[in-house]
Amino acid sequence: MEESGIRTIDLFDLDHTMAGEYLGQFEYPWEALAGIKQLIMELGGKLDPSEYDQVSENVWVHKSAKVFPTAYLGAPCIVGPGTEVRHCAFVRGIALIGADCVIGNSVELKNVIIFDNCEVPHYNYVGDSILGYRAHMGAGSITSNIKADKRNIVVHTQEGIATGLRKMGAMLGDWADIGCNSVLNPGTIIGRHTNVYPTSCVRGVVPGNSIYKSADNIVIKEER
């Protein structure tokens, strides 16, 4: 994938998130991670109380969303319309969750933007990451957001892009699908409409419209 393919406008349709205007300011999506907390606070204060309940300080939940009694919503957080936050989900805080999403059993979220119609349904960890429209995390798949040596993260393109961030998970383009029990290493970028095989260990940039079978076997999808 050329570096142009990892820019914010290449990965995401910004019409499918409350963060669209905010994300549109940034050339690369990871540049937005530092400001998600402030964004949620600003958006939350403007939400229509006839549509959203403020269930605790700086936590807003749309009246049509379903939050299971055993789920935890840490502040600040917004849960969009039609979304389900299921049994024992742990939203640590700084989570902007869109419309018609699934945040499932024992999922943990921290410092994330989750676009509309995104599914994170079973035993997932997603931290310091952005998941695009209709992206899907298979059961047990996770985003690893910090290197073992604790050094700042570099996005591994041909040239390499220094992010200046010690914590960065993954950027999943619209319609990306991550197979069960896969690990997305710090700074991973998954292009739009790309599938990652189950149990994969992914590092770097995976092109859009492709199938990731292994690091040495990435197949571009045939046009239909």
C-alpha atoms as a PDB file:
ATOM      1  CA  MET A   1       0.000   0.000   0.000  1.00  0.00           C
ATOM      2  CA  GLU A   2       1.370   3.401  -0.905  1.00  0.00           C
ATOM      3  CA  GLU A   3       1.517   5.981   1.851  1.00  0.00           C
ATOM      4  CA  SER A   4      -1.492   7.737   0.319  1.00  0.00           C
ATOM      5  CA  GLY A   5      -3.531   4.644   1.213  1.00  0.00           C
ATOM      6  CA  ILE A   6      -3.063   5.107   4.942  1.00  0.00           C
ATOM      7  CA  ARG A   7      -4.368   8.643   5.164  1.00  0.00           C
ATOM      8  CA  THR A   8      -7.549   9.370   7.063  1.00  0.00           C
ATOM      9  CA  ILE A   9      -9.625  10.081   3.960  1.00  0.00           C
ATOM     10  CA  ASP A  10      -8.432   6.861   2.312  1.00  0.00           C
ATOM     11  CA  LEU A  11      -9.354   4.603   5.224  1.00  0.00           C
ATOM     12  CA  PHE A  12     -12.652   6.065   6.400  1.00  0.00           C
ATOM     13  CA  ASP A  13     -15.963   7.435   5.172  1.00  0.00           C
ATOM     14  CA  LEU A  14     -16.261  10.280   7.659  1.00  0.00           C
ATOM     15  CA  ASP A  15     -20.032  10.492   7.240  1.00  0.00           C
ATOM     16  CA  HIS A  16     -20.393   7.435   9.481  1.00  0.00           C
ATOM     17  CA  THR A  17     -19.183   8.852  12.793  1.00  0.00           C
ATOM     18  CA  MET A  18     -19.900  11.775  15.080  1.00  0.00           C
ATOM     19  CA  ALA A  19     -16.142  12.395  14.900  1.00  0.00           C
ATOM     20  CA  GLY A  20     -16.167  13.062  11.157  1.00  0.00           C
ATOM     21  CA  GLU A  21     -15.405  16.780  11.292  1.00  0.00           C
ATOM     22  CA  TYR A  22     -12.728  16.193  13.926  1.00  0.00           C
ATOM     23  CA  LEU A  23     -11.004  13.381  12.033  1.00  0.00           C
ATOM     24  CA  GLY A  24     -11.061  15.392   8.827  1.00  0.00           C
ATOM     25  CA  GLN A  25      -8.461  17.748  10.309  1.00  0.00           C
ATOM     26  CA  PHE A  26      -5.773  15.060  10.328  1.00  0.00           C
ATOM     27  CA  GLU A  27      -3.710  13.679   7.469  1.00  0.00           C
ATOM     28  CA  TYR A  28      -3.131  10.431   9.331  1.00  0.00           C
ATOM     29  CA  PRO A  29      -5.751   8.979  11.677  1.00  0.00           C
ATOM     30  CA  TRP A  30      -3.410   8.208  14.583  1.00  0.00           C
ATOM     31  CA  GLU A  31      -2.842  11.952  14.926  1.00  0.00           C
ATOM     32  CA  ALA A  32      -6.398  12.121  16.289  1.00  0.00           C
ATOM     33  CA  LEU A  33      -5.806   9.775  19.238  1.00  0.00           C
ATOM     34  CA  ALA A  34      -4.563  12.441  21.636  1.00  0.00           C
ATOM     35  CA  GLY A  35      -7.719  14.529  21.342  1.00  0.00           C
ATOM     36  CA  ILE A  36     -10.473  11.916  21.623  1.00  0.00           C
ATOM     37  CA  LYS A  37     -11.144  12.660  25.284  1.00  0.00           C
ATOM     38  CA  GLN A  38     -11.686  16.364  24.669  1.00  0.00           C
ATOM     39  CA  LEU A  39     -13.787  15.613  21.590  1.00  0.00           C
ATOM     40  CA  ILE A  40     -16.169  13.409  23.564  1.00  0.00           C
ATOM     41  CA  MET A  41     -16.552  16.046  26.264  1.00  0.00           C
ATOM     42  CA  GLU A  42     -17.397  18.688  23.669  1.00  0.00           C
ATOM     43  CA  LEU A  43     -19.829  16.470  21.752  1.00  0.00           C
ATOM     44  CA  GLY A  44     -21.499  15.213  24.902  1.00  0.00           C
ATOM     45  CA  GLY A  45     -22.272  18.687  26.121  1.00  0.00           C
ATOM     46  CA  LYS A  46     -24.164  19.404  22.903  1.00  0.00           C
ATOM     47  CA  LEU A  47     -26.264  16.236  22.764  1.00  0.00           C
ATOM     48  CA  ASP A  48     -30.038  16.582  22.799  1.00  0.00           C
ATOM     49  CA  PRO A  49     -31.329  15.349  26.194  1.00  0.00           C
ATOM     50  CA  SER A  50     -34.494  14.188  24.492  1.00  0.00           C
ATOM     51  CA  GLU A  51     -32.358  11.665  22.596  1.00  0.00           C
ATOM     52  CA  TYR A  52     -29.510  10.903  25.018  1.00  0.00           C
ATOM     53  CA  ASP A  53     -29.507  10.071  28.710  1.00  0.00           C
ATOM     54  CA  GLN A  54     -26.552  11.208  30.786  1.00  0.00           C
ATOM     55  CA  VAL A  55     -26.309   8.051  32.868  1.00  0.00           C
ATOM     56  CA  SER A  56     -23.347   9.281  34.919  1.00  0.00           C
ATOM     57  CA  GLU A  57     -20.906  12.171  34.783  1.00  0.00           C
ATOM     58  CA  ASN A  58     -19.662  12.580  31.200  1.00  0.00           C
ATOM     59  CA  VAL A  59     -21.285   9.345  30.035  1.00  0.00           C
ATOM     60  CA  TRP A  60     -24.078   9.701  27.454  1.00  0.00           C
ATOM     61  CA  VAL A  61     -26.175   6.835  26.114  1.00  0.00           C
ATOM     62  CA  HIS A  62     -28.729   7.120  23.346  1.00  0.00           C
ATOM     63  CA  LYS A  63     -32.228   6.196  24.486  1.00  0.00           C
ATOM     64  CA  SER A  64     -32.433   3.484  21.812  1.00  0.00           C
ATOM     65  CA  ALA A  65     -29.149   1.844  22.845  1.00  0.00           C
ATOM     66  CA  LYS A  66     -29.134  -1.257  25.037  1.00  0.00           C
ATOM     67  CA  VAL A  67     -26.551  -1.455  27.821  1.00  0.00           C
ATOM     68  CA  PHE A  68     -26.594  -4.718  29.771  1.00  0.00           C
ATOM     69  CA  PRO A  69     -26.685  -4.341  33.575  1.00  0.00           C
ATOM     70  CA  THR A  70     -23.281  -6.026  33.936  1.00  0.00           C
ATOM     71  CA  ALA A  71     -21.511  -3.673  31.492  1.00  0.00           C
ATOM     72  CA  TYR A  72     -19.305  -0.845  32.755  1.00  0.00           C
ATOM     73  CA  LEU A  73     -19.170   2.551  31.056  1.00  0.00           C
ATOM     74  CA  GLY A  74     -16.255   4.710  32.145  1.00  0.00           C
ATOM     75  CA  ALA A  75     -16.070   8.437  31.434  1.00  0.00           C
ATOM     76  CA  PRO A  76     -15.997  10.098  29.069  1.00  0.00           C
ATOM     77  CA  CYS A  77     -18.071   7.964  26.764  1.00  0.00           C
ATOM     78  CA  ILE A  78     -20.833   8.278  24.180  1.00  0.00           C
ATOM     79  CA  VAL A  79     -22.920   5.294  23.064  1.00  0.00           C
ATOM     80  CA  GLY A  80     -24.838   5.905  19.862  1.00  0.00           C
ATOM     81  CA  PRO A  81     -28.347   4.935  18.747  1.00  0.00           C
ATOM     82  CA  GLY A  82     -29.207   1.270  18.330  1.00  0.00           C
ATOM     83  CA  THR A  83     -25.918   0.091  19.807  1.00  0.00           C
ATOM     84  CA  GLU A  84     -25.677  -2.881  22.183  1.00  0.00           C
ATOM     85  CA  VAL A  85     -23.121  -2.957  24.996  1.00  0.00           C
ATOM     86  CA  ARG A  86     -23.356  -6.534  26.176  1.00  0.00           C
ATOM     87  CA  HIS A  87     -22.624  -8.677  29.216  1.00  0.00           C
ATOM     88  CA  CYS A  88     -19.477  -7.718  31.152  1.00  0.00           C
ATOM     89  CA  ALA A  89     -18.206  -5.254  28.541  1.00  0.00           C
ATOM     90  CA  PHE A  90     -15.601  -2.960  30.124  1.00  0.00           C
ATOM     91  CA  VAL A  91     -15.476   0.488  28.570  1.00  0.00           C
ATOM     92  CA  ARG A  92     -12.604   1.956  30.554  1.00  0.00           C
ATOM     93  CA  GLY A  93     -13.288   5.431  29.188  1.00  0.00           C
ATOM     94  CA  ILE A  94     -12.534   7.758  26.273  1.00  0.00           C
ATOM     95  CA  ALA A  95     -14.774   5.820  23.917  1.00  0.00           C
ATOM     96  CA  LEU A  96     -16.868   7.335  21.138  1.00  0.00           C
ATOM     97  CA  ILE A  97     -19.126   4.500  19.991  1.00  0.00           C
ATOM     98  CA  GLY A  98     -21.287   5.037  16.936  1.00  0.00           C
ATOM     99  CA  ALA A  99     -24.741   3.906  15.850  1.00  0.00           C
ATOM    100  CA  ASP A 100     -25.848   0.274  15.533  1.00  0.00           C
ATOM    101  CA  CYS A 101     -22.616  -1.139  16.928  1.00  0.00           C
ATOM    102  CA  VAL A 102     -22.033  -4.277  18.984  1.00  0.00           C
ATOM    103  CA  ILE A 103     -19.696  -4.085  21.969  1.00  0.00           C
ATOM    104  CA  GLY A 104     -19.857  -7.627  23.187  1.00  0.00           C
ATOM    105  CA  ASN A 105     -19.178 -10.053  25.959  1.00  0.00           C
ATOM    106  CA  SER A 106     -16.054  -9.210  27.995  1.00  0.00           C
ATOM    107  CA  VAL A 107     -14.810  -6.656  25.448  1.00  0.00           C
ATOM    108  CA  GLU A 108     -12.505  -3.918  26.736  1.00  0.00           C
ATOM    109  CA  LEU A 109     -12.275  -0.494  25.088  1.00  0.00           C
ATOM    110  CA  LYS A 110      -9.956   2.429  25.849  1.00  0.00           C
ATOM    111  CA  ASN A 111      -9.298   5.651  23.906  1.00  0.00           C
ATOM    112  CA  VAL A 112     -11.139   4.639  20.760  1.00  0.00           C
ATOM    113  CA  ILE A 113     -13.373   5.891  17.996  1.00  0.00           C
ATOM    114  CA  ILE A 114     -15.777   3.194  16.844  1.00  0.00           C
ATOM    115  CA  PHE A 115     -17.572   4.085  13.610  1.00  0.00           C
ATOM    116  CA  ASP A 116     -21.221   3.209  12.942  1.00  0.00           C
ATOM    117  CA  ASN A 117     -22.232  -0.436  12.402  1.00  0.00           C
ATOM    118  CA  CYS A 118     -18.953  -1.700  13.808  1.00  0.00           C
ATOM    119  CA  GLU A 119     -18.852  -5.080  15.577  1.00  0.00           C
ATOM    120  CA  VAL A 120     -16.515  -5.855  18.466  1.00  0.00           C
ATOM    121  CA  PRO A 121     -18.538  -8.777  19.801  1.00  0.00           C
ATOM    122  CA  HIS A 122     -16.482 -11.336  21.759  1.00  0.00           C
ATOM    123  CA  TYR A 123     -13.490 -11.126  24.100  1.00  0.00           C
ATOM    124  CA  ASN A 124     -11.697  -8.309  22.278  1.00  0.00           C
ATOM    125  CA  TYR A 125      -9.302  -5.655  23.515  1.00  0.00           C
ATOM    126  CA  VAL A 126      -9.283  -2.423  21.496  1.00  0.00           C
ATOM    127  CA  GLY A 127      -7.112   0.402  22.774  1.00  0.00           C
ATOM    128  CA  ASP A 128      -5.766   3.607  21.230  1.00  0.00           C
ATOM    129  CA  SER A 129      -7.368   2.616  17.964  1.00  0.00           C
ATOM    130  CA  ILE A 130      -9.926   3.685  15.357  1.00  0.00           C
ATOM    131  CA  LEU A 131     -12.299   1.147  13.819  1.00  0.00           C
ATOM    132  CA  GLY A 132     -14.008   2.172  10.602  1.00  0.00           C
ATOM    133  CA  TYR A 133     -17.545   1.793   9.297  1.00  0.00           C
ATOM    134  CA  ARG A 134     -18.744  -1.824   9.412  1.00  0.00           C
ATOM    135  CA  ALA A 135     -15.365  -3.058  10.598  1.00  0.00           C
ATOM    136  CA  HIS A 136     -15.490  -6.376  12.448  1.00  0.00           C
ATOM    137  CA  MET A 137     -13.242  -7.922  15.067  1.00  0.00           C
ATOM    138  CA  GLY A 138     -13.500 -11.714  15.240  1.00  0.00           C
ATOM    139  CA  ALA A 139     -13.729 -13.433  18.611  1.00  0.00           C
ATOM    140  CA  GLY A 140     -10.573 -13.047  20.678  1.00  0.00           C
ATOM    141  CA  SER A 141      -8.831 -10.669  18.261  1.00  0.00           C
ATOM    142  CA  ILE A 142      -7.031  -7.754  19.894  1.00  0.00           C
ATOM    143  CA  THR A 143      -5.129  -4.567  19.201  1.00  0.00           C
ATOM    144  CA  SER A 144      -1.763  -4.478  20.934  1.00  0.00           C
ATOM    145  CA  ASN A 145      -1.049  -0.834  21.691  1.00  0.00           C
ATOM    146  CA  ILE A 146       2.421  -0.662  23.269  1.00  0.00           C
ATOM    147  CA  LYS A 147       5.767  -2.128  22.243  1.00  0.00           C
ATOM    148  CA  ALA A 148       7.664  -4.455  24.553  1.00  0.00           C
ATOM    149  CA  ASP A 149      10.583  -1.993  24.650  1.00  0.00           C
ATOM    150  CA  LYS A 150       8.179   0.914  25.323  1.00  0.00           C
ATOM    151  CA  ARG A 151       9.666   2.951  22.462  1.00  0.00           C
ATOM    152  CA  ASN A 152       7.557   5.220  20.264  1.00  0.00           C
ATOM    153  CA  ILE A 153       5.664   3.501  17.497  1.00  0.00           C
ATOM    154  CA  VAL A 154       6.593   3.671  13.823  1.00  0.00           C
ATOM    155  CA  VAL A 155       4.082   2.852  11.094  1.00  0.00           C
ATOM    156  CA  HIS A 156       5.979   0.505   8.809  1.00  0.00           C
ATOM    157  CA  THR A 157       5.509   1.846   5.299  1.00  0.00           C
ATOM    158  CA  GLN A 158       8.358   1.763   2.777  1.00  0.00           C
ATOM    159  CA  GLU A 159       9.815   4.877   4.349  1.00  0.00           C
ATOM    160  CA  GLY A 160       8.493   4.384   7.881  1.00  0.00           C
ATOM    161  CA  ILE A 161       6.427   7.078   9.603  1.00  0.00           C
ATOM    162  CA  ALA A 162       7.303   8.037  13.153  1.00  0.00           C
ATOM    163  CA  THR A 163       4.079   8.631  15.084  1.00  0.00           C
ATOM    164  CA  GLY A 164       5.624  10.162  18.196  1.00  0.00           C
ATOM    165  CA  LEU A 165       3.227   7.979  20.178  1.00  0.00           C
ATOM    166  CA  ARG A 166       4.170   5.472  22.845  1.00  0.00           C
ATOM    167  CA  LYS A 167       0.685   3.966  22.644  1.00  0.00           C
ATOM    168  CA  MET A 168      -1.080   3.219  19.369  1.00  0.00           C
ATOM    169  CA  GLY A 169      -3.127   0.188  18.499  1.00  0.00           C
ATOM    170  CA  ALA A 170      -4.574  -0.307  15.027  1.00  0.00           C
ATOM    171  CA  MET A 171      -6.416   1.683  12.392  1.00  0.00           C
ATOM    172  CA  LEU A 172      -9.054  -0.468  10.667  1.00  0.00           C
ATOM    173  CA  GLY A 173     -10.459   0.886   7.432  1.00  0.00           C
ATOM    174  CA  ASP A 174     -14.146   0.623   6.557  1.00  0.00           C
ATOM    175  CA  TRP A 175     -15.383  -2.966   6.169  1.00  0.00           C
ATOM    176  CA  ALA A 176     -12.124  -4.477   7.463  1.00  0.00           C
ATOM    177  CA  ASP A 177     -12.644  -7.953   8.921  1.00  0.00           C
ATOM    178  CA  ILE A 178     -10.219  -9.407  11.467  1.00  0.00           C
ATOM    179  CA  GLY A 179     -10.234 -13.172  11.971  1.00  0.00           C
ATOM    180  CA  CYS A 180     -10.639 -14.822  15.356  1.00  0.00           C
ATOM    181  CA  ASN A 181      -7.712 -14.788  17.804  1.00  0.00           C
ATOM    182  CA  SER A 182      -5.599 -12.462  15.663  1.00  0.00           C
ATOM    183  CA  VAL A 183      -3.173  -9.931  17.138  1.00  0.00           C
ATOM    184  CA  LEU A 184      -2.757  -6.541  15.488  1.00  0.00           C
ATOM    185  CA  ASN A 185       0.617  -5.263  16.660  1.00  0.00           C
ATOM    186  CA  PRO A 186       1.215  -1.601  17.589  1.00  0.00           C
ATOM    187  CA  GLY A 187       0.915   0.704  14.597  1.00  0.00           C
ATOM    188  CA  THR A 188      -0.921  -1.749  12.329  1.00  0.00           C
ATOM    189  CA  ILE A 189      -3.015  -0.299   9.485  1.00  0.00           C
ATOM    190  CA  ILE A 190      -5.658  -2.446   7.784  1.00  0.00           C
ATOM    191  CA  GLY A 191      -7.039  -1.079   4.529  1.00  0.00           C
ATOM    192  CA  ARG A 192     -10.676  -0.894   3.521  1.00  0.00           C
ATOM    193  CA  HIS A 193     -12.473  -4.143   2.623  1.00  0.00           C
ATOM    194  CA  THR A 194      -9.525  -6.260   3.752  1.00  0.00           C
ATOM    195  CA  ASN A 195      -9.844  -9.641   5.466  1.00  0.00           C
ATOM    196  CA  VAL A 196      -7.303 -11.005   7.932  1.00  0.00           C
ATOM    197  CA  TYR A 197      -7.135 -14.770   8.423  1.00  0.00           C
ATOM    198  CA  PRO A 198      -7.835 -16.166  11.902  1.00  0.00           C
ATOM    199  CA  THR A 199      -4.885 -16.515  14.336  1.00  0.00           C
ATOM    200  CA  SER A 200      -2.783 -14.029  12.349  1.00  0.00           C
ATOM    201  CA  CYS A 201      -0.065 -11.880  13.894  1.00  0.00           C
ATOM    202  CA  VAL A 202      -0.134  -8.677  11.858  1.00  0.00           C
ATOM    203  CA  ARG A 203       2.449  -5.909  11.799  1.00  0.00           C
ATOM    204  CA  GLY A 204       2.674  -2.923   9.478  1.00  0.00           C
ATOM    205  CA  VAL A 205       0.343  -1.929   6.646  1.00  0.00           C
ATOM    206  CA  VAL A 206      -2.041  -4.311   4.890  1.00  0.00           C
ATOM    207  CA  PRO A 207      -3.443  -2.974   1.606  1.00  0.00           C
ATOM    208  CA  GLY A 208      -7.105  -2.371   1.010  1.00  0.00           C
ATOM    209  CA  ASN A 209      -9.211  -4.941  -0.862  1.00  0.00           C
ATOM    210  CA  SER A 210      -6.865  -7.756   0.069  1.00  0.00           C
ATOM    211  CA  ILE A 211      -6.722 -10.996   2.047  1.00  0.00           C
ATOM    212  CA  TYR A 212      -4.000 -11.334   4.672  1.00  0.00           C
ATOM    213  CA  LYS A 213      -3.073 -15.010   4.973  1.00  0.00           C
ATOM    214  CA  SER A 214       0.398 -14.411   6.440  1.00  0.00           C
ATOM    215  CA  ALA A 215       3.089 -11.742   6.302  1.00  0.00           C
ATOM    216  CA  ASP A 216       4.443 -13.348   3.128  1.00  0.00           C
ATOM    217  CA  ASN A 217       1.085 -14.161   1.580  1.00  0.00           C
ATOM    218  CA  ILE A 218      -1.180 -11.166   1.022  1.00  0.00           C
ATOM    219  CA  VAL A 219      -3.539 -11.611  -1.908  1.00  0.00           C
ATOM    220  CA  ILE A 220      -5.367  -8.806  -3.683  1.00  0.00           C
ATOM    221  CA  LYS A 221      -9.047  -9.650  -4.073  1.00  0.00           C
ATOM    222  CA  GLU A 222     -10.330 -10.311  -7.545  1.00  0.00           C
ATOM    223  CA  GLU A 223     -12.830  -7.809  -8.899  1.00  0.00           C
ATOM    224  CA  ARG A 224     -16.325  -9.171  -9.283  1.00  0.00           C
END
